[in-house]
Amino acid sequence: MPANTDHAGRRQVMVAITSQQLFFTDMKRALSSIAAYGPTPRRTRTTPEALLSDLPGPGQMRLFDMRRDLLRAQRDRHIRLDHEVSAIPHLAHAWHIAGRLAEAQGWSERRLYDVQRNLVIALSCRGPDEPVLYSELLPLASRQLPVERTALVLDEIGMLNDDRPDPLEENWRRRLHGATPAILEQAEAWLRHLRDGGPRDVPKARLTVAEYARVAAPILLQWSQSFDDLREITPQDVTDVLNVRSVGRSRSHALVVLRSLFRFLHRTRRIFHDPTSRLKPGKAVTAALLPLKEHRYEQVIAAASTPLQHVVLALAAIHAASRHDIRNLMLEDFDLGNRHIIINKVRRHLDDLTRQALLAYLEERRIRWPRTANPHLLVSSHTAMDTRRVSSYFLTQLFKGLIGIDQLRQDRQLEEALSQGADPLHLAAVFGVAESTAMRYADAARKILQEEYDIGTPGRC
């Protein structure tokens, strides 16, 4: 058949096709060249800068998702500030939200500028229907740019996809490393249920899930040496691992954790019977309450050198505030004019020592973070630019190796019980503690008075 006839036949076949054809990049031009028997076009290489070019508006369909390298952004070509932001509606909205958060949380002008710069880098190269992966933002930290606050703005406008691995899940996988596959699968299903909840169960606190994993992991690793599956565990096996622990709180806590594990496995039909159903935890033996020695107070007072340490020491040793109470204290809980303080929903008199420590700390806080909008009393370099409370670890490190805040609180409550004749009603009214706690301190004070212990000089706090 002549070449012209062959070419005409092909064109008739192409005209007869009425369906819509999708093309990859440059495929249409390549087919046109082939149809015209022209030379094969030279392949073009897509540059990294082209990946950062603006995409069409909403509704643009993506053939596949790809991770963007935001470090490729160039200041002169891609980072277009203020004068061109209004041309991209979702970027302008993100800038507005960033300004609102900056005002509410007390960001500095430099911090707001850096967040806006991150938003331009992340949003100018994508449409409003394409979320930003958190892992795409992480490399920006190498340029000292605020990744966490940028993610906060993106989450506020619904354009953040947090693809980071759950640190809680990484923690229990590290603890359970070495368990048999079946035991590992059963333990992870239980821990995920604790973390996420279920149709009839509310999710537990993340700290509780981490504590359950800490207690259960060594037991499960021990069983993995002799068993392949938790279906093989008998009540005697549970009793054996519990007897290794001292009688009292440790044994009771371990049994509570194992009972939670086996009840879940039995309810979800992963095991045939619950080996902990007839086991009793027993009564937990609490440690005896004794007054702290005088030299312990001298050490911690000598170590308190900053206004932050002074105010925490006064709150714990004078007002018996726990770590939880101190972390949750708000600025509005203090009435310096009327000399009152509210701790654990109890209104108390603000003594001179606590008032002086508080004024010194507030002055330091004003000088160090003048723009902070955090409503909590205590702030750190990590919480000054938002509204979070300081972590429990932050307070623990203040007097590390000397004395704990909870020890100061317990000693203050015990001293009050000793000075007021071991009256539990008085303790409940002064410190706002539960009846059982007040009775425990009253009994301890009564025992100390009966046995005539040397409690030191009253009022040493």
Protein backbone atom coordinates (compact mmCIF):
# COMPACT_ATOMS: atom_id res chain seq x y z
CA MET A 1 0.00 0.00 0.00
CA PRO A 2 1.42 3.42 -0.85
CA ALA A 3 2.57 5.63 2.01
CA ASN A 4 -0.08 8.28 1.34
CA THR A 5 -2.85 5.69 1.49
CA ASP A 6 -1.50 4.34 4.78
CA HIS A 7 -1.37 7.84 6.22
CA ALA A 8 -4.96 8.60 5.18
CA GLY A 9 -6.18 5.37 6.76
CA ARG A 10 -4.59 6.23 10.04
CA ARG A 11 -6.15 9.69 10.03
CA GLN A 12 -9.60 8.19 9.40
CA VAL A 13 -9.15 5.87 12.40
CA MET A 14 -8.12 8.78 14.62
CA VAL A 15 -11.12 10.88 13.48
CA ALA A 16 -13.49 7.99 14.23
CA ILE A 17 -12.50 7.99 17.91
CA THR A 18 -15.02 10.09 19.89
CA SER A 19 -13.86 9.36 23.45
CA GLN A 20 -11.74 11.78 25.47
CA GLN A 21 -8.04 10.92 25.60
CA LEU A 22 -5.85 11.81 28.60
CA PHE A 23 -2.23 12.64 27.93
CA PHE A 24 0.95 12.76 29.93
CA THR A 25 3.21 15.79 29.60
CA ASP A 26 4.36 16.36 25.97
CA MET A 27 2.62 13.14 24.80
CA LYS A 28 0.21 15.00 22.54
CA ARG A 29 3.00 16.80 20.77
CA ALA A 30 4.95 13.55 20.43
CA LEU A 31 1.94 11.76 18.86
CA SER A 32 1.40 14.67 16.49
CA SER A 33 4.99 14.44 15.37
CA ILE A 34 4.74 10.72 14.84
CA ALA A 35 1.50 11.12 12.89
CA ALA A 36 3.15 13.69 10.66
CA TYR A 37 6.22 11.44 10.25
CA GLY A 38 8.36 14.20 11.57
CA PRO A 39 11.50 13.84 13.67
CA THR A 40 11.15 12.60 17.24
CA PRO A 41 11.17 15.64 19.55
CA ARG A 42 13.93 15.98 22.07
CA ARG A 43 12.94 15.13 25.67
CA THR A 44 12.75 18.12 27.99
CA ARG A 45 13.88 17.96 31.61
CA THR A 46 11.66 19.46 34.30
CA THR A 47 13.74 21.70 36.55
CA PRO A 48 13.23 21.80 40.33
CA GLU A 49 12.14 25.43 39.99
CA ALA A 50 9.27 24.36 37.73
CA LEU A 51 7.87 22.22 40.53
CA LEU A 52 7.42 25.38 42.61
CA SER A 53 5.44 27.22 39.94
CA ASP A 54 1.85 28.17 40.63
CA LEU A 55 -0.77 25.51 40.01
CA PRO A 56 -4.25 26.23 38.64
CA GLY A 57 -7.06 27.07 40.99
CA PRO A 58 -9.31 24.75 43.01
CA GLY A 59 -10.56 21.65 41.27
CA GLN A 60 -7.27 20.84 39.57
CA MET A 61 -6.98 17.06 39.53
CA ARG A 62 -3.63 15.48 40.43
CA LEU A 63 -2.54 12.28 38.72
CA PHE A 64 -0.32 11.36 41.69
CA ASP A 65 1.01 13.02 44.83
CA MET A 66 4.65 13.89 45.21
CA ARG A 67 6.64 15.31 48.07
CA ARG A 68 7.83 18.85 47.45
CA ASP A 69 11.33 20.01 48.35
CA LEU A 70 10.62 23.41 49.90
CA LEU A 71 14.33 24.12 50.34
CA ARG A 72 14.45 24.66 46.57
CA ALA A 73 12.52 27.88 46.96
CA GLN A 74 14.52 30.96 46.00
CA ARG A 75 13.97 34.39 47.49
CA ASP A 76 14.09 36.28 44.18
CA ARG A 77 11.94 33.82 42.20
CA HIS A 78 9.44 32.20 44.57
CA ILE A 79 9.26 34.02 47.90
CA ARG A 80 6.89 36.83 46.99
CA LEU A 81 5.85 38.78 50.05
CA ASP A 82 3.14 41.33 50.81
CA HIS A 83 2.64 42.92 47.37
CA GLU A 84 1.69 39.65 45.60
CA VAL A 85 0.12 37.62 48.43
CA SER A 86 -3.37 38.92 47.67
CA ALA A 87 -3.18 37.24 44.26
CA ILE A 88 -3.34 33.80 45.96
CA PRO A 89 -6.54 33.67 48.08
CA HIS A 90 -5.62 30.73 50.32
CA LEU A 91 -2.20 32.27 51.01
CA ALA A 92 -3.79 35.61 51.90
CA HIS A 93 -6.13 33.78 54.28
CA ALA A 94 -3.17 32.01 55.90
CA TRP A 95 -1.42 35.36 56.39
CA HIS A 96 -4.54 36.72 58.10
CA ILE A 97 -4.70 33.74 60.45
CA ALA A 98 -0.97 34.09 61.21
CA GLY A 99 -1.47 37.73 62.17
CA ARG A 100 -4.37 36.83 64.44
CA LEU A 101 -2.39 34.09 66.19
CA ALA A 102 0.62 36.37 66.53
CA GLU A 103 -1.51 38.95 68.32
CA ALA A 104 -3.20 36.37 70.54
CA GLN A 105 0.00 34.53 71.51
CA GLY A 106 2.45 37.42 71.60
CA TRP A 107 4.75 36.54 68.71
CA SER A 108 7.55 38.94 67.97
CA GLU A 109 7.60 40.80 64.66
CA ARG A 110 10.53 38.70 63.51
CA ARG A 111 8.72 35.47 64.40
CA LEU A 112 5.61 36.59 62.48
CA TYR A 113 7.76 37.49 59.45
CA ASP A 114 9.41 34.05 59.49
CA VAL A 115 6.03 32.30 59.72
CA GLN A 116 4.68 34.35 56.82
CA ARG A 117 7.79 33.51 54.82
CA ASN A 118 7.23 29.79 55.49
CA LEU A 119 3.61 30.13 54.40
CA VAL A 120 4.67 31.69 51.10
CA ILE A 121 7.16 28.89 50.50
CA ALA A 122 4.62 26.18 51.33
CA LEU A 123 1.45 27.56 49.72
CA SER A 124 2.51 29.51 46.64
CA CYS A 125 3.42 26.25 44.88
CA ARG A 126 0.10 24.45 45.40
CA GLY A 127 -3.61 24.95 45.10
CA PRO A 128 -6.04 25.43 47.99
CA ASP A 129 -7.15 21.78 47.84
CA GLU A 130 -3.66 20.29 48.30
CA PRO A 131 -2.63 19.96 51.98
CA VAL A 132 0.92 20.52 53.20
CA LEU A 133 2.69 17.52 54.71
CA TYR A 134 4.33 18.16 58.06
CA SER A 135 7.39 16.26 56.84
CA GLU A 136 7.73 18.82 54.04
CA LEU A 137 8.06 21.60 56.60
CA LEU A 138 10.69 19.88 58.74
CA PRO A 139 13.67 20.72 56.45
CA LEU A 140 12.88 24.43 56.93
CA ALA A 141 14.11 24.12 60.50
CA SER A 142 17.65 23.94 59.10
CA ARG A 143 17.21 27.60 58.14
CA GLN A 144 16.12 28.50 61.69
CA LEU A 145 12.52 28.98 60.54
CA PRO A 146 9.60 28.26 62.94
CA VAL A 147 8.16 25.00 61.67
CA GLU A 148 5.81 24.34 64.61
CA ARG A 149 4.04 27.69 64.41
CA THR A 150 3.77 27.44 60.64
CA ALA A 151 2.08 24.06 61.09
CA LEU A 152 -0.26 25.68 63.64
CA VAL A 153 -1.42 28.21 61.04
CA LEU A 154 -1.84 25.55 58.35
CA ASP A 155 -3.85 23.39 60.74
CA GLU A 156 -6.05 26.38 61.55
CA ILE A 157 -6.99 26.81 57.88
CA GLY A 158 -7.35 23.05 57.29
CA MET A 159 -4.34 22.63 54.99
CA LEU A 160 -2.05 20.50 57.19
CA ASN A 161 -1.54 16.76 56.86
CA ASP A 162 0.38 15.67 59.94
CA ASP A 163 2.24 12.62 58.67
CA ARG A 164 4.66 12.38 61.59
CA PRO A 165 4.86 9.00 63.34
CA ASP A 166 3.15 8.91 66.72
CA PRO A 167 5.88 9.17 69.40
CA LEU A 168 3.70 7.14 71.77
CA GLU A 169 3.56 4.27 69.27
CA GLU A 170 7.31 4.49 68.69
CA ASN A 171 7.82 4.32 72.45
CA TRP A 172 5.88 1.10 72.99
CA ARG A 173 7.40 -0.53 69.89
CA ARG A 174 10.84 0.20 71.30
CA ARG A 175 9.85 -1.32 74.64
CA LEU A 176 8.30 -4.41 73.03
CA HIS A 177 11.24 -5.07 70.72
CA GLY A 178 12.05 -8.78 70.99
CA ALA A 179 8.53 -10.04 71.69
CA THR A 180 7.12 -12.84 69.55
CA PRO A 181 5.02 -11.71 66.54
CA ALA A 182 1.75 -12.94 68.06
CA ILE A 183 2.35 -11.31 71.45
CA LEU A 184 3.50 -8.11 69.76
CA GLU A 185 0.35 -7.97 67.63
CA GLN A 186 -1.90 -8.56 70.66
CA ALA A 187 -0.10 -5.98 72.80
CA GLU A 188 -0.19 -3.33 70.06
CA ALA A 189 -3.90 -3.89 69.46
CA TRP A 190 -4.51 -3.37 73.19
CA LEU A 191 -2.37 -0.22 73.38
CA ARG A 192 -4.02 1.28 70.30
CA HIS A 193 -7.41 0.63 71.86
CA LEU A 194 -6.30 2.44 75.02
CA ARG A 195 -5.01 5.35 72.98
CA ASP A 196 -7.87 5.68 70.48
CA GLY A 197 -10.80 4.33 72.48
CA GLY A 198 -13.69 2.35 71.08
CA PRO A 199 -17.49 2.36 70.69
CA ARG A 200 -17.96 1.94 74.46
CA ASP A 201 -14.57 3.11 75.77
CA VAL A 202 -13.21 6.62 75.92
CA PRO A 203 -9.52 7.10 75.03
CA LYS A 204 -7.16 7.14 77.99
CA ALA A 205 -4.62 9.87 78.58
CA ARG A 206 -1.41 9.43 76.64
CA LEU A 207 0.61 9.39 79.86
CA THR A 208 -1.58 6.55 81.11
CA VAL A 209 -1.03 4.56 77.91
CA ALA A 210 2.74 5.12 78.18
CA GLU A 211 2.69 3.95 81.80
CA TYR A 212 0.72 0.81 80.92
CA ALA A 213 3.25 0.04 78.16
CA ARG A 214 6.13 0.56 80.59
CA VAL A 215 4.68 -1.88 83.13
CA ALA A 216 3.53 -4.52 80.64
CA ALA A 217 6.61 -4.58 78.36
CA PRO A 218 9.07 -6.44 80.64
CA ILE A 219 6.39 -9.01 81.53
CA LEU A 220 5.53 -9.64 77.89
CA LEU A 221 9.21 -9.93 76.96
CA GLN A 222 9.66 -12.48 79.75
CA TRP A 223 6.71 -14.52 78.50
CA SER A 224 8.05 -14.31 74.93
CA GLN A 225 10.97 -16.48 76.00
CA SER A 226 8.63 -19.38 76.87
CA PHE A 227 5.40 -18.76 74.95
CA ASP A 228 4.47 -17.80 71.41
CA ASP A 229 0.99 -16.47 72.12
CA LEU A 230 -0.85 -14.95 75.09
CA ARG A 231 -3.48 -17.69 74.66
CA GLU A 232 -1.03 -20.00 76.42
CA ILE A 233 -0.85 -17.88 79.59
CA THR A 234 -2.44 -19.44 82.69
CA PRO A 235 -3.38 -17.87 86.04
CA GLN A 236 -0.28 -19.48 87.54
CA ASP A 237 1.93 -17.71 84.98
CA VAL A 238 0.39 -14.37 85.96
CA THR A 239 0.84 -15.15 89.66
CA ASP A 240 4.50 -16.02 89.10
CA VAL A 241 5.33 -12.69 87.46
CA LEU A 242 3.39 -10.81 90.13
CA ASN A 243 5.20 -12.57 92.98
CA VAL A 244 8.50 -11.25 91.66
CA ARG A 245 7.27 -7.76 92.50
CA SER A 246 7.07 -6.59 96.09
CA VAL A 247 3.71 -6.92 97.77
CA GLY A 248 1.77 -3.67 97.73
CA ARG A 249 1.54 -0.86 95.22
CA SER A 250 3.90 -2.36 92.61
CA ARG A 251 2.10 -5.72 92.54
CA SER A 252 -1.32 -4.09 92.52
CA HIS A 253 -0.36 -1.76 89.69
CA ALA A 254 1.04 -4.63 87.59
CA LEU A 255 -2.13 -6.66 88.09
CA VAL A 256 -4.31 -3.71 87.04
CA VAL A 257 -2.31 -3.39 83.81
CA LEU A 258 -2.41 -7.12 83.04
CA ARG A 259 -6.11 -7.26 83.81
CA SER A 260 -6.72 -4.45 81.31
CA LEU A 261 -4.69 -6.34 78.69
CA PHE A 262 -6.38 -9.73 79.09
CA ARG A 263 -9.88 -8.28 79.39
CA PHE A 264 -9.42 -6.54 76.06
CA LEU A 265 -8.03 -9.67 74.41
CA HIS A 266 -10.88 -11.79 75.79
CA ARG A 267 -13.54 -9.27 74.77
CA THR A 268 -12.17 -9.09 71.21
CA ARG A 269 -11.88 -12.92 71.07
CA ARG A 270 -8.13 -12.97 70.68
CA ILE A 271 -7.80 -15.37 73.65
CA PHE A 272 -10.09 -18.08 75.00
CA HIS A 273 -10.09 -17.20 78.72
CA ASP A 274 -8.95 -14.37 80.98
CA PRO A 275 -6.23 -15.64 83.36
CA THR A 276 -6.57 -12.58 85.63
CA SER A 277 -10.32 -12.85 86.29
CA ARG A 278 -9.98 -14.48 89.74
CA LEU A 279 -6.81 -12.75 90.93
CA LYS A 280 -6.99 -10.10 93.64
CA PRO A 281 -4.60 -7.14 93.71
CA GLY A 282 -4.55 -6.92 97.48
CA LYS A 283 -4.29 -3.78 99.58
CA ALA A 284 -1.61 -1.34 98.49
CA VAL A 285 0.79 -0.44 101.27
CA THR A 286 1.60 3.27 101.29
CA ALA A 287 4.84 4.68 102.60
CA ALA A 288 4.85 6.21 106.07
CA LEU A 289 4.69 10.02 106.18
CA LEU A 290 7.60 11.56 108.10
CA PRO A 291 8.76 15.17 108.39
CA LEU A 292 11.71 16.24 106.26
CA LYS A 293 15.01 16.90 107.97
CA GLU A 294 16.13 20.47 108.49
CA HIS A 295 19.25 20.11 106.34
CA ARG A 296 17.11 19.12 103.32
CA TYR A 297 15.41 22.50 103.45
CA GLU A 298 18.73 24.27 103.84
CA GLN A 299 20.06 22.57 100.71
CA VAL A 300 17.10 23.46 98.53
CA ILE A 301 16.97 27.07 99.81
CA ALA A 302 20.66 27.50 99.06
CA ALA A 303 20.18 26.07 95.56
CA ALA A 304 17.26 28.41 94.72
CA SER A 305 19.01 31.26 92.93
CA THR A 306 16.44 32.47 90.36
CA PRO A 307 13.06 34.19 90.81
CA LEU A 308 11.42 31.17 89.15
CA GLN A 309 12.89 28.78 91.73
CA HIS A 310 11.92 31.13 94.57
CA VAL A 311 8.27 31.34 93.54
CA VAL A 312 7.97 27.57 92.97
CA LEU A 313 9.62 26.89 96.34
CA ALA A 314 7.21 29.28 98.09
CA LEU A 315 4.13 27.77 96.42
CA ALA A 316 5.13 24.20 97.30
CA ALA A 317 6.59 24.70 100.79
CA ILE A 318 4.15 27.33 102.09
CA HIS A 319 0.91 26.72 100.19
CA ALA A 320 1.36 22.96 99.58
CA ALA A 321 0.80 23.33 95.86
CA SER A 322 1.46 20.20 93.78
CA ARG A 323 3.19 20.15 90.42
CA HIS A 324 -0.20 19.93 88.76
CA ASP A 325 -1.45 22.95 90.71
CA ILE A 326 1.65 25.04 89.93
CA ARG A 327 1.52 24.22 86.23
CA ASN A 328 -2.15 25.23 86.02
CA LEU A 329 -1.86 28.49 87.97
CA MET A 330 -3.12 31.43 85.93
CA LEU A 331 -2.24 35.10 86.30
CA GLU A 332 -5.85 35.80 87.23
CA ASP A 333 -5.54 33.48 90.25
CA PHE A 334 -3.43 36.11 92.02
CA ASP A 335 -4.91 39.22 93.61
CA LEU A 336 -1.90 41.22 94.74
CA GLY A 337 -3.99 44.16 95.91
CA ASN A 338 -6.21 42.15 98.24
CA ARG A 339 -3.38 39.68 98.96
CA HIS A 340 -5.24 36.53 97.90
CA ILE A 341 -4.29 33.49 95.85
CA ILE A 342 -6.47 30.68 94.48
CA ILE A 343 -4.87 27.21 94.42
CA ASN A 344 -6.90 24.10 93.64
CA LYS A 345 -10.10 26.20 93.82
CA VAL A 346 -9.28 27.25 97.39
CA ARG A 347 -8.85 30.95 98.21
CA ARG A 348 -5.86 31.54 100.49
CA HIS A 349 -4.09 34.47 102.05
CA LEU A 350 -1.00 35.68 100.15
CA ASP A 351 1.81 35.95 102.70
CA ASP A 352 4.69 38.43 102.43
CA LEU A 353 7.32 35.87 101.40
CA THR A 354 5.24 34.46 98.54
CA ARG A 355 4.20 37.95 97.45
CA GLN A 356 7.80 39.16 97.23
CA ALA A 357 8.87 36.07 95.29
CA LEU A 358 5.90 36.49 92.97
CA LEU A 359 6.63 40.16 92.25
CA ALA A 360 10.28 39.40 91.49
CA TYR A 361 9.31 36.62 89.09
CA LEU A 362 6.67 38.71 87.31
CA GLU A 363 9.22 41.48 86.78
CA GLU A 364 11.70 39.02 85.28
CA ARG A 365 8.96 37.57 83.07
CA ARG A 366 8.01 41.05 81.84
CA ILE A 367 11.61 41.90 80.95
CA ARG A 368 12.37 38.58 79.28
CA TRP A 369 9.09 38.09 77.38
CA PRO A 370 7.41 41.50 77.10
CA ARG A 371 5.05 40.41 74.31
CA THR A 372 3.94 37.04 75.68
CA ALA A 373 0.21 36.44 75.88
CA ASN A 374 0.43 33.18 77.83
CA PRO A 375 -2.18 33.36 80.63
CA HIS A 376 -0.32 30.89 82.86
CA LEU A 377 1.86 32.13 85.70
CA LEU A 378 4.90 30.06 84.73
CA VAL A 379 6.26 30.28 81.19
CA SER A 380 9.40 28.98 79.54
CA SER A 381 11.23 29.65 76.31
CA HIS A 382 9.03 26.97 74.69
CA THR A 383 5.67 28.27 75.97
CA ALA A 384 6.22 32.05 75.95
CA MET A 385 5.02 32.33 72.34
CA ASP A 386 1.82 30.31 72.78
CA THR A 387 -0.73 29.52 75.49
CA ARG A 388 0.50 26.12 76.70
CA ARG A 389 1.44 25.39 80.29
CA VAL A 390 4.98 24.35 81.19
CA SER A 391 5.71 20.64 81.28
CA SER A 392 6.00 18.54 84.41
CA TYR A 393 9.60 17.78 83.41
CA PHE A 394 10.34 21.52 83.44
CA LEU A 395 9.36 21.75 87.11
CA THR A 396 11.15 18.53 88.02
CA GLN A 397 14.46 19.91 86.75
CA LEU A 398 14.32 23.01 88.96
CA PHE A 399 15.54 21.14 92.06
CA LYS A 400 16.91 18.03 90.42
CA GLY A 401 18.90 15.84 92.82
CA LEU A 402 17.84 17.81 95.91
CA ILE A 403 14.19 17.51 96.79
CA GLY A 404 10.95 17.01 94.90
CA ILE A 405 8.06 19.45 94.78
CA ASP A 406 5.70 16.71 95.95
CA GLN A 407 7.93 16.10 98.98
CA LEU A 408 7.69 19.79 99.88
CA ARG A 409 3.91 19.66 99.52
CA GLN A 410 3.58 16.54 101.67
CA ASP A 411 5.79 17.96 104.39
CA ARG A 412 3.76 21.19 104.48
CA GLN A 413 0.50 19.30 104.86
CA LEU A 414 1.99 17.07 107.54
CA GLU A 415 3.27 20.09 109.44
CA GLU A 416 -0.19 21.66 109.32
CA ALA A 417 -1.67 18.45 110.71
CA LEU A 418 0.89 18.40 113.53
CA SER A 419 0.34 22.05 114.46
CA GLN A 420 -3.48 21.87 114.38
CA GLY A 421 -3.96 18.68 116.37
CA ALA A 422 -4.38 16.24 113.45
CA ASP A 423 -7.78 17.56 112.40
CA PRO A 424 -8.74 16.16 108.95
CA LEU A 425 -11.57 18.69 108.52
CA HIS A 426 -9.07 21.51 108.93
CA LEU A 427 -6.73 19.98 106.35
CA ALA A 428 -9.54 19.53 103.83
CA ALA A 429 -10.64 23.14 104.29
CA VAL A 430 -7.14 24.67 104.09
CA PHE A 431 -5.64 22.66 101.22
CA GLY A 432 -8.73 21.45 99.37
CA VAL A 433 -7.64 17.79 99.54
CA ALA A 434 -9.95 14.78 99.46
CA GLU A 435 -11.30 13.24 102.64
CA SER A 436 -9.14 10.13 102.31
CA THR A 437 -6.00 12.26 101.89
CA ALA A 438 -6.89 14.41 104.88
CA MET A 439 -7.48 11.31 107.01
CA ARG A 440 -4.13 9.86 105.94
CA TYR A 441 -2.21 12.97 107.01
CA ALA A 442 -4.20 13.22 110.22
CA ASP A 443 -3.42 9.59 111.10
CA ALA A 444 0.26 10.10 110.32
CA ALA A 445 0.39 13.20 112.51
CA ARG A 446 -1.40 11.40 115.32
CA LYS A 447 1.09 8.53 115.15
CA ILE A 448 4.05 10.91 115.20
CA LEU A 449 2.69 12.77 118.21
CA GLN A 450 2.05 9.53 120.06
CA GLU A 451 5.51 8.13 119.42
CA GLU A 452 7.08 11.53 120.24
CA TYR A 453 9.20 11.89 117.10
CA ASP A 454 11.52 14.84 116.87
CA ILE A 455 9.82 16.99 114.24
CA GLY A 456 12.18 19.98 114.41
CA THR A 457 11.25 23.61 114.88
CA PRO A 458 7.70 24.53 113.77
CA GLY A 459 7.35 27.05 110.96
CA ARG A 460 10.63 26.18 109.27
CA CYS A 461 9.03 26.60 105.84
